[in-house]
């Protein structure tokens, strides 16, 4: 009998994470998405807006570097939306942003760390006389399903779960995959 050591299991997990990261980066970059790299910390008010005060207390750091970065992030979306808004304020018009990064979810014993993918697909206004981009929900869904296929997963086996209203998503209008 062969017994896997803890090191072997860790190596397999790391290989799977690297595979996920590289496949998603390659796929989204090839489809004109721009990659963002954000801090894994957020402010208390942002975390409370995303997932409520009870979850924010679990994700609070004991020794934060500043009040602006006092909590672990439960989602990639605040950083992506902030990057999108910052670029718009500077006159840039990114229509597609993505991030592959770690998020932290409240768990029975503190929190769990998860690798996550987030992307923002926006309609672009008319610039310099050119037509705008008509990106919508169906475009986002198509990119997501193609990304899943790129990982070699069968989309028929995907589980779609309704996302409860938590301040960031609208109940009945959002799903988790």
Protein backbone atom coordinates (compact mmCIF):
# COMPACT_ATOMS: atom_id res chain seq x y z
CA UNK A 1 0.00 0.00 0.00
CA UNK A 2 1.11 3.48 -0.82
CA UNK A 3 0.36 6.22 1.65
CA UNK A 4 0.50 9.81 0.48
CA UNK A 5 2.49 12.05 2.73
CA UNK A 6 1.21 15.46 3.75
CA UNK A 7 3.82 16.97 1.42
CA UNK A 8 2.48 14.98 -1.56
CA UNK A 9 -1.09 16.10 -0.89
CA UNK A 10 0.04 19.71 -0.58
CA UNK A 11 1.96 19.46 -3.86
CA UNK A 12 -1.14 18.11 -5.66
CA UNK A 13 -3.24 20.99 -4.28
CA UNK A 14 -0.62 23.52 -5.37
CA UNK A 15 -0.44 21.98 -8.85
CA UNK A 16 -4.23 22.15 -9.20
CA UNK A 17 -4.23 25.80 -8.09
CA UNK A 18 -1.45 26.72 -10.52
CA UNK A 19 -3.34 24.93 -13.31
CA UNK A 20 -6.52 26.88 -12.48
CA UNK A 21 -4.65 30.20 -12.30
CA UNK A 22 -2.71 29.71 -15.53
CA UNK A 23 -5.71 28.47 -17.52
CA UNK A 24 -7.93 31.34 -16.37
CA UNK A 25 -5.25 33.97 -16.98
CA UNK A 26 -4.54 32.65 -20.47
CA UNK A 27 -8.22 32.37 -21.41
CA UNK A 28 -9.32 35.78 -20.13
CA UNK A 29 -6.22 37.60 -21.43
CA UNK A 30 -6.86 36.09 -24.86
CA UNK A 31 -10.36 37.60 -24.72
CA UNK A 32 -9.06 41.13 -24.04
CA UNK A 33 -9.56 41.11 -20.28
CA UNK A 34 -7.01 43.08 -18.25
CA UNK A 35 -5.68 41.43 -15.10
CA UNK A 36 -5.87 43.22 -11.76
CA UNK A 37 -3.77 42.45 -8.72
CA UNK A 38 -5.37 43.82 -5.56
CA UNK A 39 -4.50 43.64 -1.88
CA UNK A 40 -6.11 40.79 0.06
CA UNK A 41 -7.20 43.34 2.68
CA UNK A 42 -10.23 45.61 2.73
CA UNK A 43 -11.71 48.19 5.09
CA UNK A 44 -14.26 47.19 7.73
CA UNK A 45 -17.02 49.17 6.02
CA UNK A 46 -16.40 47.41 2.69
CA UNK A 47 -16.43 43.93 4.27
CA UNK A 48 -19.60 44.75 6.23
CA UNK A 49 -21.27 45.97 3.03
CA UNK A 50 -20.25 42.74 1.27
CA UNK A 51 -21.15 40.15 3.89
CA UNK A 52 -22.48 41.77 7.06
CA UNK A 53 -21.07 42.63 10.48
CA UNK A 54 -20.90 39.05 11.89
CA UNK A 55 -18.71 37.87 9.02
CA UNK A 56 -16.62 41.04 9.21
CA UNK A 57 -15.75 40.33 12.84
CA UNK A 58 -14.39 36.88 11.83
CA UNK A 59 -12.30 38.39 9.02
CA UNK A 60 -10.82 41.22 11.12
CA UNK A 61 -7.02 41.25 11.44
CA UNK A 62 -5.48 41.42 14.91
CA UNK A 63 -2.72 43.77 13.82
CA UNK A 64 -3.79 45.60 10.61
CA UNK A 65 -1.39 47.79 8.67
CA UNK A 66 -4.04 50.55 8.57
CA UNK A 67 -7.78 51.09 9.08
CA UNK A 68 -8.18 50.96 5.31
CA UNK A 69 -6.75 47.41 5.27
CA UNK A 70 -8.13 45.94 8.49
CA UNK A 71 -9.99 42.88 7.20
CA UNK A 72 -9.38 39.89 4.91
CA UNK A 73 -11.39 40.10 1.71
CA UNK A 74 -14.41 37.78 1.32
CA UNK A 75 -14.74 38.51 -2.41
CA UNK A 76 -12.70 39.90 -5.30
CA UNK A 77 -15.43 42.25 -6.51
CA UNK A 78 -14.73 45.37 -4.38
CA UNK A 79 -11.15 45.51 -5.68
CA UNK A 80 -12.25 44.96 -9.27
CA UNK A 81 -14.95 47.63 -9.04
CA UNK A 82 -12.51 50.07 -7.42
CA UNK A 83 -9.97 49.44 -10.22
CA UNK A 84 -12.69 49.93 -12.81
CA UNK A 85 -13.82 53.24 -11.23
CA UNK A 86 -10.22 54.46 -10.83
CA UNK A 87 -9.50 53.81 -14.51
CA UNK A 88 -12.67 55.58 -15.59
CA UNK A 89 -11.76 58.61 -13.46
CA UNK A 90 -8.37 58.75 -15.23
CA UNK A 91 -9.98 58.68 -18.69
CA UNK A 92 -9.26 55.01 -19.35
CA UNK A 93 -12.15 52.84 -20.39
CA UNK A 94 -11.44 49.23 -19.41
CA UNK A 95 -14.39 47.14 -20.48
CA UNK A 96 -13.05 43.88 -19.09
CA UNK A 97 -11.12 43.30 -15.86
CA UNK A 98 -10.37 40.08 -14.00
CA UNK A 99 -8.52 38.82 -10.97
CA UNK A 100 -7.50 35.37 -9.81
CA UNK A 101 -6.79 35.54 -6.11
CA UNK A 102 -7.43 34.33 -2.61
CA UNK A 103 -10.58 35.15 -0.69
CA UNK A 104 -11.53 34.30 2.88
CA UNK A 105 -14.91 32.96 3.99
CA UNK A 106 -16.20 32.65 7.55
CA UNK A 107 -16.12 29.02 8.70
CA UNK A 108 -17.00 27.09 11.84
CA UNK A 109 -13.44 27.55 13.14
CA UNK A 110 -12.45 31.05 12.07
CA UNK A 111 -12.25 31.30 8.29
CA UNK A 112 -11.31 29.28 5.22
CA UNK A 113 -9.06 30.42 2.39
CA UNK A 114 -10.22 29.81 -1.20
CA UNK A 115 -8.83 30.51 -4.64
CA UNK A 116 -11.34 32.56 -6.58
CA UNK A 117 -11.93 34.09 -9.99
CA UNK A 118 -13.76 37.36 -10.45
CA UNK A 119 -14.34 39.48 -13.51
CA UNK A 120 -16.08 42.69 -14.50
CA UNK A 121 -17.58 43.02 -17.94
CA UNK A 122 -19.00 46.47 -18.58
CA UNK A 123 -20.81 48.28 -21.31
CA UNK A 124 -18.58 50.92 -22.77
CA UNK A 125 -19.84 54.37 -23.64
CA UNK A 126 -19.39 55.78 -27.09
CA UNK A 127 -15.81 57.07 -27.45
CA UNK A 128 -14.49 59.18 -30.32
CA UNK A 129 -17.57 58.62 -32.42
CA UNK A 130 -17.37 54.82 -32.25
CA UNK A 131 -20.20 52.55 -31.16
CA UNK A 132 -20.43 51.33 -27.57
CA UNK A 133 -20.12 47.72 -26.45
CA UNK A 134 -23.39 45.97 -25.67
CA UNK A 135 -22.04 43.57 -23.02
CA UNK A 136 -24.71 42.05 -20.78
CA UNK A 137 -25.53 39.08 -18.53
CA UNK A 138 -25.48 36.64 -21.43
CA UNK A 139 -21.99 37.74 -22.45
CA UNK A 140 -20.78 37.26 -18.88
CA UNK A 141 -22.41 33.83 -18.71
CA UNK A 142 -20.81 32.82 -22.01
CA UNK A 143 -17.34 33.81 -20.79
CA UNK A 144 -17.90 31.93 -17.55
CA UNK A 145 -19.08 28.74 -19.28
CA UNK A 146 -16.19 28.88 -21.73
CA UNK A 147 -13.77 29.32 -18.82
CA UNK A 148 -15.29 26.26 -17.12
CA UNK A 149 -14.87 24.27 -20.34
CA UNK A 150 -11.27 25.45 -20.54
CA UNK A 151 -10.68 23.75 -17.19
CA UNK A 152 -12.00 20.51 -18.64
CA UNK A 153 -15.12 20.51 -16.47
CA UNK A 154 -18.47 19.31 -17.74
CA UNK A 155 -20.85 22.26 -17.47
CA UNK A 156 -23.80 19.87 -17.08
CA UNK A 157 -22.40 18.92 -13.66
CA UNK A 158 -22.14 22.51 -12.40
CA UNK A 159 -24.24 23.47 -9.42
CA UNK A 160 -25.94 26.85 -9.48
CA UNK A 161 -26.91 28.04 -6.02
CA UNK A 162 -28.98 31.16 -5.32
CA UNK A 163 -26.99 33.83 -3.55
CA UNK A 164 -28.77 35.32 -0.54
CA UNK A 165 -29.03 39.07 -0.31
CA UNK A 166 -25.93 40.13 1.59
CA UNK A 167 -25.51 43.75 0.66
CA UNK A 168 -23.48 43.03 -2.48
CA UNK A 169 -25.85 40.82 -4.47
CA UNK A 170 -29.59 40.93 -5.06
CA UNK A 171 -31.55 37.90 -3.98
CA UNK A 172 -33.13 36.19 -6.98
CA UNK A 173 -30.77 38.02 -9.35
CA UNK A 174 -27.46 36.28 -8.51
CA UNK A 175 -26.07 32.76 -8.47
CA UNK A 176 -22.94 31.10 -7.17
CA UNK A 177 -21.23 28.48 -9.27
